[in-house]
Amino acid sequence: MSKRFPLFVLQIAGLLLIPSWAVAQSPNHPLDGLTAPEYWRVYEALKASGRLDESVRFSGILLHAPPKAEVLAWKPGEPFRREAFFADARAVGAGRPAVQIWTAPYAELLPAEGRRAARIGQMLDLGGIAGAALAALLGALFVFGQIRPGMRARNRVEGWIVGVLFACSVVAILTTVGIIASLVYDSVRFFASVPIAEFLFGTQWSPQTAIRADQVGSTGAFGALPLFAGTFLIMAIAMAVAAPVGLFSAIYLSEYAGPVFRATVKPVLEILAGVPTVVYGFFAALTVGPAFREFFNGLGALMVGGPLDGVGQYLMLVQNQMALVAGGVMGIMLIPFVSSLSDDIINAVPQSLRDGSYAMGATKSETVSRVLLPAALPGVAGAMLLAVSRAIGETMIVTMAAGLAARLTLNPLDTVTTVTVQIVTLLTGDQEFDSPKTLAAFGLGLTLFVVTLLLNIVAQRIVITYRQQYD
């Protein structure tokens, strides 16, 4: 930082001197909102900071440039050893101990090379500071040359602001396009080896391809229907918990609760939204799962030997990991999303609708069911869609509470897996991105993207339809 201090001194001096210089250049020109000194400061900072940053980056490159001296005839296959030697030489030159233990002749040459590295580093430091100072001075001279009477500095500053905002919007768009292009490109590679029909409608998911062609399961099985079924099952269970509880709590807080109770309960309810998903996963695996297992095992023990002996035998085999546990805990996690958004939406319904309903003799419950909920339906639908999207994309709770078994079942007591869990599993560790096993993750990601997009389109249609009705 101390080596760059002169550069920042030049920058501050420019910020202080340039507005005065602008005023001196036009003594008979009255200053207005477009030529006020503060806009000259901003304009000077915008014009000069780019050149100063370039000079600082240039000096940083010089300050960290490695010495290029060759002290030994290194073999072609020793690039890493050569870099390690020069790294230790720079460390010795800076007064630090060497990291590696070197034998002769490297040990004898290391101190001399360290001293030479220190001298080269000092020369580069001075050269970098001089070059950066020269670049900063040239930038300041350029800004001084731009000053003339009547120049509208505020318009220039506004132009920079518009450019920055436009660049941010372009970055957001290009990021989305890049994500879609990456998914599509690798998905096309995957579907070149696995037919789309087999992927979408196949009932066997076993992407563990073998290393050799003579091993069992060398081709793998990429039927994703069990993953879709598991995702839908857990999402349905989660929404069965989150939708009624969240919506009813929002109605109570909005229409029935007093101000003190509302101010106390709503923040407590929204605390659930800040709990990490891994905590929900631990809660599901260590508390809810064992409790459900004991309940169903005890219920099965009561049925054994009776008319429902088969059901009892099955319930006694229920384990901790099941779709019901993952879906139930995920529903608890989604309650704050549904409740908070629905509460805000219901409160946004015009008071005139409530007054008109009460004037017609309707009760509070009739007003809620026949006036408020239909009027707030677009926003409530959006809240539900947000919860569905979160349930589809959840990974940690499913991994810890539902297992990794890909089963085509709608039984909530079975272990299942989801699309997102398999994506994480396929991309974990050292993978080769030229095998169908790894590329299957991109096929799953593209499918998940298309499903989410369709959900957004349906929700948008609902919002447009009911907004036209109540506007």
Protein backbone atom coordinates (compact mmCIF):
# COMPACT_ATOMS: atom_id res chain seq x y z
CA MET A 1 0.00 0.00 0.00
CA SER A 2 2.87 2.39 0.82
CA LYS A 3 4.32 1.94 -2.67
CA ARG A 4 1.08 3.15 -4.20
CA PHE A 5 0.61 6.08 -1.82
CA PRO A 6 2.12 8.68 -4.22
CA LEU A 7 -0.41 7.63 -6.86
CA PHE A 8 -3.34 8.27 -4.58
CA VAL A 9 -1.81 11.63 -3.59
CA LEU A 10 -1.87 12.61 -7.25
CA GLN A 11 -5.49 11.50 -7.52
CA ILE A 12 -6.59 13.53 -4.46
CA ALA A 13 -4.70 16.56 -5.73
CA GLY A 14 -6.56 16.32 -9.01
CA LEU A 15 -9.90 16.13 -7.23
CA LEU A 16 -9.06 19.34 -5.33
CA LEU A 17 -7.42 21.35 -8.10
CA ILE A 18 -9.47 20.59 -11.19
CA PRO A 19 -12.72 22.27 -10.02
CA SER A 20 -10.76 25.44 -9.20
CA TRP A 21 -9.06 25.25 -12.58
CA ALA A 22 -12.47 24.92 -14.26
CA VAL A 23 -13.74 28.05 -12.48
CA ALA A 24 -10.58 29.98 -13.36
CA GLN A 25 -10.97 29.14 -17.04
CA SER A 26 -14.37 30.79 -17.17
CA PRO A 27 -14.37 33.85 -14.82
CA ASN A 28 -17.25 35.48 -16.67
CA HIS A 29 -19.30 32.34 -17.06
CA PRO A 30 -21.77 31.88 -14.19
CA LEU A 31 -21.80 28.44 -12.62
CA ASP A 32 -25.09 26.62 -12.84
CA GLY A 33 -26.30 23.13 -12.02
CA LEU A 34 -24.50 21.74 -15.05
CA THR A 35 -21.06 23.21 -14.27
CA ALA A 36 -20.95 23.14 -10.48
CA PRO A 37 -17.57 22.21 -8.97
CA GLU A 38 -18.88 18.97 -7.47
CA TYR A 39 -19.68 17.70 -10.97
CA TRP A 40 -16.17 18.57 -12.08
CA ARG A 41 -14.85 16.48 -9.19
CA VAL A 42 -16.99 13.52 -10.23
CA TYR A 43 -16.11 13.96 -13.89
CA GLU A 44 -12.40 14.17 -13.13
CA ALA A 45 -12.59 11.08 -10.94
CA LEU A 46 -14.37 9.12 -13.65
CA LYS A 47 -11.91 10.11 -16.36
CA ALA A 48 -8.69 9.84 -14.37
CA SER A 49 -9.49 6.82 -12.20
CA GLY A 50 -9.55 4.51 -15.19
CA ARG A 51 -6.05 5.51 -16.20
CA LEU A 52 -4.86 5.40 -12.59
CA ASP A 53 -6.30 1.90 -12.13
CA GLU A 54 -4.55 0.77 -15.31
CA SER A 55 -1.28 2.18 -14.02
CA VAL A 56 -1.74 0.54 -10.61
CA ARG A 57 -2.47 -2.79 -12.24
CA PHE A 58 0.60 -2.35 -14.44
CA SER A 59 2.73 -1.60 -11.40
CA GLY A 60 1.26 -4.61 -9.60
CA ILE A 61 2.29 -6.84 -12.48
CA LEU A 62 5.81 -5.49 -12.29
CA LEU A 63 5.98 -5.77 -8.52
CA HIS A 64 5.09 -9.46 -8.65
CA ALA A 65 7.01 -10.37 -11.78
CA PRO A 66 9.22 -13.42 -11.18
CA PRO A 67 12.94 -13.24 -11.92
CA LYS A 68 13.78 -14.59 -15.32
CA ALA A 69 17.39 -15.54 -14.62
CA GLU A 70 18.39 -19.07 -15.48
CA VAL A 71 20.91 -20.49 -13.02
CA LEU A 72 20.81 -24.09 -14.14
CA ALA A 73 20.04 -26.11 -17.21
CA TRP A 74 16.60 -27.37 -16.27
CA LYS A 75 15.33 -30.52 -17.91
CA PRO A 76 12.19 -30.29 -20.07
CA GLY A 77 10.20 -32.36 -17.62
CA GLU A 78 10.94 -30.18 -14.56
CA PRO A 79 8.75 -27.04 -14.90
CA PHE A 80 7.26 -27.38 -11.43
CA ARG A 81 10.66 -27.90 -9.80
CA ARG A 82 12.03 -24.84 -11.60
CA GLU A 83 9.11 -22.71 -10.40
CA ALA A 84 9.58 -24.01 -6.86
CA PHE A 85 13.27 -23.08 -6.94
CA PHE A 86 12.57 -19.51 -8.06
CA ALA A 87 9.77 -19.19 -5.51
CA ASP A 88 12.22 -20.16 -2.76
CA ALA A 89 14.79 -17.74 -4.21
CA ARG A 90 12.30 -14.88 -3.96
CA ALA A 91 11.45 -15.95 -0.43
CA VAL A 92 15.13 -16.01 0.61
CA GLY A 93 15.66 -12.62 -1.02
CA ALA A 94 12.76 -11.23 1.01
CA GLY A 95 14.21 -12.58 4.26
CA ARG A 96 11.94 -15.59 4.61
CA PRO A 97 13.05 -19.23 4.88
CA ALA A 98 12.86 -21.53 1.89
CA VAL A 99 9.89 -23.87 1.70
CA GLN A 100 11.70 -26.76 0.01
CA ILE A 101 14.86 -28.61 1.06
CA TRP A 102 17.39 -28.40 -1.78
CA THR A 103 20.45 -30.54 -2.34
CA ALA A 104 23.63 -29.61 -4.18
CA PRO A 105 24.11 -27.76 -6.45
CA TYR A 106 20.79 -26.00 -5.82
CA ALA A 107 21.48 -25.35 -2.13
CA GLU A 108 24.72 -23.43 -2.93
CA LEU A 109 23.09 -21.34 -5.64
CA LEU A 110 19.95 -20.49 -3.67
CA PRO A 111 21.41 -17.59 -1.53
CA ALA A 112 23.05 -15.93 -4.54
CA GLU A 113 19.89 -16.26 -6.58
CA GLY A 114 17.90 -14.88 -3.64
CA ARG A 115 20.09 -11.75 -3.51
CA ARG A 116 19.74 -11.28 -7.24
CA ALA A 117 15.96 -11.73 -6.97
CA ALA A 118 15.89 -9.06 -4.27
CA ARG A 119 17.84 -6.62 -6.47
CA ILE A 120 15.57 -7.31 -9.43
CA GLY A 121 12.55 -6.86 -7.20
CA GLN A 122 13.79 -3.45 -6.01
CA MET A 123 14.41 -2.35 -9.59
CA LEU A 124 10.95 -3.46 -10.59
CA ASP A 125 9.43 -1.67 -7.61
CA LEU A 126 11.04 1.61 -8.60
CA GLY A 127 10.19 1.12 -12.25
CA GLY A 128 6.60 0.25 -11.44
CA ILE A 129 6.15 3.31 -9.24
CA ALA A 130 7.72 5.57 -11.84
CA GLY A 131 5.61 4.13 -14.64
CA ALA A 132 2.42 4.35 -12.62
CA ALA A 133 3.17 7.94 -11.61
CA LEU A 134 3.82 8.85 -15.23
CA ALA A 135 0.55 7.25 -16.31
CA ALA A 136 -1.34 9.09 -13.55
CA LEU A 137 0.29 12.40 -14.58
CA LEU A 138 -0.66 11.85 -18.21
CA GLY A 139 -4.22 11.08 -17.13
CA ALA A 140 -4.36 14.30 -15.12
CA LEU A 141 -3.03 16.30 -18.08
CA PHE A 142 -5.66 14.71 -20.29
CA VAL A 143 -8.41 15.77 -17.88
CA PHE A 144 -7.03 19.32 -17.72
CA GLY A 145 -7.13 19.42 -21.48
CA GLN A 146 -10.82 18.56 -21.47
CA ILE A 147 -11.74 21.61 -19.35
CA ARG A 148 -13.24 24.52 -21.29
CA PRO A 149 -15.73 27.31 -20.53
CA GLY A 150 -19.35 26.27 -20.65
CA MET A 151 -18.70 22.53 -20.57
CA ARG A 152 -21.65 20.64 -19.08
CA ALA A 153 -19.94 18.36 -16.60
CA ARG A 154 -23.22 17.05 -15.20
CA ASN A 155 -24.27 15.76 -18.60
CA ARG A 156 -20.99 13.88 -18.86
CA VAL A 157 -21.48 12.38 -15.40
CA GLU A 158 -25.04 11.36 -16.28
CA GLY A 159 -23.68 9.72 -19.40
CA TRP A 160 -21.27 7.65 -17.29
CA ILE A 161 -24.10 6.65 -14.95
CA VAL A 162 -26.29 5.56 -17.86
CA GLY A 163 -23.39 3.56 -19.25
CA VAL A 164 -22.80 1.79 -15.94
CA LEU A 165 -26.49 0.93 -15.59
CA PHE A 166 -26.61 -0.33 -19.17
CA ALA A 167 -23.51 -2.46 -18.58
CA CYS A 168 -25.10 -4.00 -15.48
CA SER A 169 -28.26 -4.86 -17.40
CA VAL A 170 -26.21 -6.36 -20.23
CA VAL A 171 -24.22 -8.46 -17.74
CA ALA A 172 -27.45 -9.83 -16.27
CA ILE A 173 -28.79 -10.71 -19.71
CA LEU A 174 -25.53 -12.24 -20.90
CA THR A 175 -25.28 -14.29 -17.70
CA THR A 176 -28.71 -15.76 -18.34
CA VAL A 177 -27.86 -16.42 -21.98
CA GLY A 178 -24.58 -18.04 -20.95
CA ILE A 179 -26.29 -20.34 -18.47
CA ILE A 180 -28.86 -21.41 -21.05
CA ALA A 181 -26.19 -21.88 -23.74
CA SER A 182 -24.07 -24.01 -21.39
CA LEU A 183 -27.04 -26.20 -20.50
CA VAL A 184 -28.13 -26.58 -24.11
CA TYR A 185 -24.63 -27.32 -25.43
CA ASP A 186 -23.81 -30.06 -22.92
CA SER A 187 -27.36 -31.42 -23.05
CA VAL A 188 -27.05 -31.84 -26.83
CA ARG A 189 -23.84 -33.81 -26.23
CA PHE A 190 -25.66 -35.97 -23.71
CA PHE A 191 -28.67 -36.61 -25.92
CA ALA A 192 -26.34 -37.57 -28.76
CA SER A 193 -25.48 -40.72 -26.79
CA VAL A 194 -28.75 -41.21 -24.87
CA PRO A 195 -32.10 -40.91 -26.71
CA ILE A 196 -34.46 -38.26 -25.38
CA ALA A 197 -37.34 -40.73 -25.15
CA GLU A 198 -35.25 -43.11 -23.04
CA PHE A 199 -34.19 -40.24 -20.79
CA LEU A 200 -37.69 -38.81 -20.24
CA PHE A 201 -39.67 -42.05 -20.03
CA GLY A 202 -37.13 -44.65 -18.91
CA THR A 203 -37.83 -46.29 -15.55
CA GLN A 204 -34.26 -47.27 -14.60
CA TRP A 205 -31.71 -44.74 -13.35
CA SER A 206 -28.19 -46.10 -12.90
CA PRO A 207 -25.65 -43.72 -14.45
CA GLN A 208 -22.64 -45.52 -12.96
CA THR A 209 -20.90 -46.47 -16.19
CA ALA A 210 -18.01 -48.91 -16.01
CA ILE A 211 -14.42 -48.06 -16.82
CA ARG A 212 -13.89 -51.09 -19.08
CA ALA A 213 -16.29 -52.33 -21.72
CA ASP A 214 -16.32 -55.89 -20.31
CA GLN A 215 -17.63 -54.79 -16.90
CA VAL A 216 -21.25 -55.18 -15.89
CA GLY A 217 -23.38 -52.12 -16.48
CA SER A 218 -20.91 -50.54 -18.87
CA THR A 219 -23.67 -48.70 -20.74
CA GLY A 220 -25.53 -47.36 -17.70
CA ALA A 221 -29.24 -46.63 -17.42
CA PHE A 222 -30.44 -43.04 -17.83
CA GLY A 223 -34.19 -43.26 -17.37
CA ALA A 224 -35.02 -40.13 -15.36
CA LEU A 225 -38.67 -40.94 -14.66
CA PRO A 226 -37.88 -42.14 -11.08
CA LEU A 227 -36.17 -38.81 -10.41
CA PHE A 228 -39.16 -36.86 -11.71
CA ALA A 229 -41.50 -38.96 -9.59
CA GLY A 230 -39.39 -38.44 -6.46
CA THR A 231 -39.18 -34.70 -7.08
CA PHE A 232 -42.94 -34.45 -7.59
CA LEU A 233 -43.69 -36.59 -4.53
CA ILE A 234 -41.54 -34.56 -2.13
CA MET A 235 -42.76 -31.28 -3.62
CA ALA A 236 -46.40 -32.36 -3.23
CA ILE A 237 -45.87 -33.34 0.42
CA ALA A 238 -44.06 -30.07 1.13
CA MET A 239 -46.80 -27.98 -0.46
CA ALA A 240 -49.47 -29.98 1.38
CA VAL A 241 -47.84 -28.71 4.57
CA ALA A 242 -46.74 -25.20 3.54
CA ALA A 243 -49.73 -24.06 1.48
CA PRO A 244 -52.56 -24.38 4.03
CA VAL A 245 -50.49 -23.50 7.08
CA GLY A 246 -48.82 -20.52 5.42
CA LEU A 247 -52.00 -19.19 3.82
CA PHE A 248 -54.19 -19.61 6.91
CA SER A 249 -51.57 -17.99 9.13
CA ALA A 250 -51.39 -15.08 6.69
CA ILE A 251 -55.18 -14.68 6.77
CA TYR A 252 -55.23 -14.72 10.57
CA LEU A 253 -52.39 -12.23 10.90
CA SER A 254 -53.92 -9.92 8.32
CA GLU A 255 -57.61 -9.98 9.26
CA TYR A 256 -58.06 -11.37 12.76
CA ALA A 257 -54.92 -10.77 14.85
CA GLY A 258 -54.46 -7.62 16.90
CA PRO A 259 -51.56 -5.25 16.24
CA VAL A 260 -49.55 -6.43 19.26
CA PHE A 261 -49.96 -10.11 18.42
CA ARG A 262 -49.14 -9.48 14.76
CA ALA A 263 -46.03 -7.48 15.59
CA THR A 264 -44.84 -10.33 17.81
CA VAL A 265 -45.76 -13.44 15.83
CA LYS A 266 -44.85 -12.38 12.30
CA PRO A 267 -41.14 -11.76 13.02
CA VAL A 268 -40.95 -15.04 14.90
CA LEU A 269 -42.54 -16.85 11.96
CA GLU A 270 -40.16 -15.23 9.49
CA ILE A 271 -37.15 -16.41 11.52
CA LEU A 272 -37.69 -19.80 9.90
CA ALA A 273 -36.71 -18.28 6.57
CA GLY A 274 -33.23 -17.51 7.91
CA VAL A 275 -32.49 -21.02 9.15
CA PRO A 276 -29.92 -22.77 6.87
CA THR A 277 -31.23 -25.77 4.97
CA VAL A 278 -28.53 -27.99 6.46
CA VAL A 279 -30.07 -27.33 9.89
CA TYR A 280 -33.42 -28.49 8.54
CA GLY A 281 -31.62 -31.53 7.17
CA PHE A 282 -30.16 -32.37 10.59
CA PHE A 283 -33.55 -31.81 12.16
CA ALA A 284 -35.15 -34.17 9.66
CA ALA A 285 -32.47 -36.87 9.95
CA LEU A 286 -31.98 -36.83 13.71
CA THR A 287 -35.41 -35.89 15.08
CA VAL A 288 -38.28 -36.22 12.62
CA GLY A 289 -37.01 -39.35 10.89
CA PRO A 290 -36.56 -41.44 14.06
CA ALA A 291 -39.91 -40.18 15.42
CA PHE A 292 -41.75 -41.22 12.25
CA ARG A 293 -39.97 -44.58 12.22
CA GLU A 294 -40.97 -45.35 15.80
CA PHE A 295 -44.54 -44.29 15.08
CA PHE A 296 -44.94 -46.45 12.00
CA ASN A 297 -43.04 -49.40 13.52
CA GLY A 298 -45.30 -49.28 16.57
CA LEU A 299 -48.39 -49.01 14.38
CA GLY A 300 -47.20 -51.98 12.35
CA ALA A 301 -46.60 -54.02 15.49
CA LEU A 302 -50.25 -53.50 16.43
CA MET A 303 -51.40 -54.72 13.00
CA VAL A 304 -49.26 -57.85 12.86
CA GLY A 305 -51.33 -60.99 13.30
CA GLY A 306 -54.59 -59.28 12.36
CA PRO A 307 -56.48 -58.73 9.12
CA LEU A 308 -53.86 -56.17 8.02
CA ASP A 309 -50.88 -58.40 8.76
CA GLY A 310 -49.17 -57.55 5.44
CA VAL A 311 -49.48 -53.82 6.05
CA GLY A 312 -48.18 -54.30 9.58
CA GLN A 313 -45.16 -56.24 8.35
CA TYR A 314 -44.38 -53.44 5.89
CA LEU A 315 -44.74 -50.69 8.48
CA MET A 316 -42.37 -52.51 10.83
CA LEU A 317 -39.68 -52.23 8.11
CA VAL A 318 -39.98 -48.46 7.67
CA GLN A 319 -36.65 -46.69 8.17
CA ASN A 320 -35.62 -43.13 9.06
CA GLN A 321 -35.17 -41.96 5.47
CA MET A 322 -38.42 -41.54 3.58
CA ALA A 323 -40.16 -39.07 1.31
CA LEU A 324 -42.64 -38.16 4.05
CA VAL A 325 -39.87 -36.91 6.36
CA ALA A 326 -38.15 -34.86 3.65
CA GLY A 327 -41.41 -33.40 2.37
CA GLY A 328 -42.73 -32.57 5.84
CA VAL A 329 -39.59 -30.76 6.96
CA MET A 330 -39.33 -28.99 3.62
CA GLY A 331 -42.92 -27.83 4.08
CA ILE A 332 -41.97 -26.33 7.46
CA MET A 333 -39.12 -24.52 5.72
CA LEU A 334 -41.51 -23.11 3.09
CA ILE A 335 -44.12 -21.78 5.55
CA PRO A 336 -42.43 -18.36 5.96
CA PHE A 337 -42.31 -17.83 2.21
CA VAL A 338 -46.00 -18.53 1.72
CA SER A 339 -47.11 -16.77 4.91
CA SER A 340 -45.08 -13.57 4.54
CA LEU A 341 -45.85 -13.03 0.87
CA SER A 342 -49.53 -13.90 1.25
CA ASP A 343 -49.85 -11.58 4.23
CA ASP A 344 -48.38 -8.65 2.30
CA ILE A 345 -50.62 -9.40 -0.69
CA ILE A 346 -53.80 -9.62 1.38
CA ASN A 347 -52.96 -6.34 3.12
CA ALA A 348 -52.51 -4.74 -0.30
CA VAL A 349 -56.15 -5.41 -1.26
CA PRO A 350 -58.00 -2.05 -1.24
CA GLN A 351 -59.94 -1.32 1.93
CA SER A 352 -62.91 -0.29 -0.21
CA LEU A 353 -63.53 -3.95 -1.11
CA ARG A 354 -63.72 -4.86 2.57
CA ASP A 355 -66.01 -1.92 3.33
CA GLY A 356 -68.32 -2.80 0.45
CA SER A 357 -68.55 -6.42 1.59
CA TYR A 358 -69.35 -5.40 5.16
CA ALA A 359 -71.93 -2.92 3.90
CA MET A 360 -73.72 -5.75 2.11
CA GLY A 361 -74.00 -7.63 5.39
CA ALA A 362 -71.19 -10.15 4.88
CA THR A 363 -69.32 -11.53 7.86
CA LYS A 364 -65.55 -11.38 8.21
CA SER A 365 -65.11 -14.98 7.10
CA GLU A 366 -67.37 -14.43 4.08
CA THR A 367 -65.41 -11.30 3.19
CA VAL A 368 -62.16 -13.23 3.37
CA SER A 369 -63.33 -16.20 1.31
CA ARG A 370 -65.43 -14.37 -1.30
CA VAL A 371 -63.73 -10.97 -1.63
CA LEU A 372 -60.17 -10.85 -0.30
CA LEU A 373 -58.88 -14.20 -1.53
CA PRO A 374 -60.20 -13.80 -5.09
CA ALA A 375 -58.76 -10.28 -5.23
CA ALA A 376 -55.40 -11.45 -3.86
CA LEU A 377 -55.29 -14.63 -5.94
CA PRO A 378 -52.59 -13.41 -8.39
CA GLY A 379 -50.18 -12.63 -5.57
CA VAL A 380 -51.05 -15.79 -3.65
CA ALA A 381 -50.43 -17.81 -6.81
CA GLY A 382 -47.03 -16.16 -7.11
CA ALA A 383 -46.24 -17.03 -3.49
CA MET A 384 -47.22 -20.64 -4.10
CA LEU A 385 -45.10 -20.73 -7.24
CA LEU A 386 -42.12 -19.42 -5.30
CA ALA A 387 -42.60 -22.16 -2.75
CA VAL A 388 -42.91 -24.81 -5.48
CA SER A 389 -39.72 -23.58 -7.15
CA ARG A 390 -37.89 -23.70 -3.82
CA ALA A 391 -39.19 -27.21 -3.15
CA ILE A 392 -38.09 -28.43 -6.58
CA GLY A 393 -34.62 -26.95 -6.17
CA GLU A 394 -33.97 -28.09 -2.59
CA THR A 395 -31.08 -30.53 -2.20
CA MET A 396 -29.74 -30.75 1.35
CA ILE A 397 -32.94 -31.84 3.10
CA VAL A 398 -33.64 -34.50 0.47
CA THR A 399 -30.10 -35.85 0.67
CA MET A 400 -30.17 -36.21 4.45
CA ALA A 401 -33.81 -37.25 4.94
CA ALA A 402 -34.96 -39.05 1.77
CA GLY A 403 -31.87 -40.95 0.64
CA LEU A 404 -30.30 -41.44 -2.78
CA ALA A 405 -32.28 -44.42 -4.09
CA ALA A 406 -33.96 -43.73 -7.45
CA ARG A 407 -37.33 -45.48 -7.16
CA LEU A 408 -40.40 -45.09 -9.31
CA THR A 409 -42.93 -44.87 -6.51
CA LEU A 410 -45.51 -42.55 -5.02
CA ASN A 411 -45.34 -44.18 -1.59
CA PRO A 412 -44.36 -41.49 0.92
CA LEU A 413 -42.79 -44.12 3.21
CA ASP A 414 -40.18 -45.17 0.62
CA THR A 415 -36.74 -43.69 0.10
CA VAL A 416 -36.58 -41.57 -3.06
CA THR A 417 -34.28 -39.04 -4.68
CA THR A 418 -34.78 -35.89 -6.70
CA VAL A 419 -33.33 -34.23 -9.79
CA THR A 420 -31.21 -31.74 -7.87
CA VAL A 421 -29.70 -34.40 -5.62
CA GLN A 422 -28.63 -36.44 -8.63
CA ILE A 423 -27.12 -33.36 -10.30
CA VAL A 424 -24.95 -32.79 -7.23
CA THR A 425 -24.04 -36.48 -7.06
CA LEU A 426 -23.03 -36.62 -10.73
CA LEU A 427 -20.84 -33.52 -10.53
CA THR A 428 -19.14 -34.31 -7.21
CA GLY A 429 -15.48 -35.30 -7.32
CA ASP A 430 -13.13 -35.63 -10.29
CA GLN A 431 -15.35 -36.22 -13.30
CA GLU A 432 -14.75 -36.49 -17.03
CA PHE A 433 -17.00 -34.20 -19.03
CA ASP A 434 -16.99 -36.47 -22.06
CA SER A 435 -18.96 -39.36 -20.56
CA PRO A 436 -22.74 -39.74 -20.48
CA LYS A 437 -22.59 -40.13 -16.69
CA THR A 438 -21.37 -36.57 -16.15
CA LEU A 439 -23.28 -35.04 -19.06
CA ALA A 440 -26.49 -36.48 -17.60
CA ALA A 441 -26.35 -33.69 -15.01
CA PHE A 442 -26.78 -31.11 -17.77
CA GLY A 443 -29.71 -33.04 -19.23
CA LEU A 444 -31.36 -33.02 -15.81
CA GLY A 445 -30.57 -29.32 -15.39
CA LEU A 446 -32.12 -28.45 -18.75
CA THR A 447 -35.24 -30.42 -17.90
CA LEU A 448 -35.50 -28.67 -14.54
CA PHE A 449 -35.07 -25.29 -16.26
CA VAL A 450 -37.85 -26.03 -18.77
CA VAL A 451 -40.24 -27.18 -16.02
CA THR A 452 -39.57 -24.06 -13.94
CA LEU A 453 -40.05 -21.86 -17.00
CA LEU A 454 -43.41 -23.48 -17.72
CA LEU A 455 -44.48 -22.94 -14.11
CA ASN A 456 -43.56 -19.26 -14.39
CA ILE A 457 -45.55 -18.92 -17.62
CA VAL A 458 -48.64 -20.51 -16.08
CA ALA A 459 -48.40 -18.29 -13.00
CA GLN A 460 -47.98 -15.21 -15.19
CA ARG A 461 -51.12 -16.10 -17.12
CA ILE A 462 -53.04 -16.45 -13.85
CA VAL A 463 -51.78 -13.07 -12.67
CA ILE A 464 -52.73 -11.34 -15.92
CA THR A 465 -56.20 -12.89 -16.01
CA TYR A 466 -57.24 -11.97 -12.48
CA ARG A 467 -55.52 -8.58 -12.55
CA GLN A 468 -57.68 -7.60 -15.52
CA GLN A 469 -60.74 -8.76 -13.63
CA TYR A 470 -60.10 -6.71 -10.45
CA ASP A 471 -58.35 -3.62 -11.87
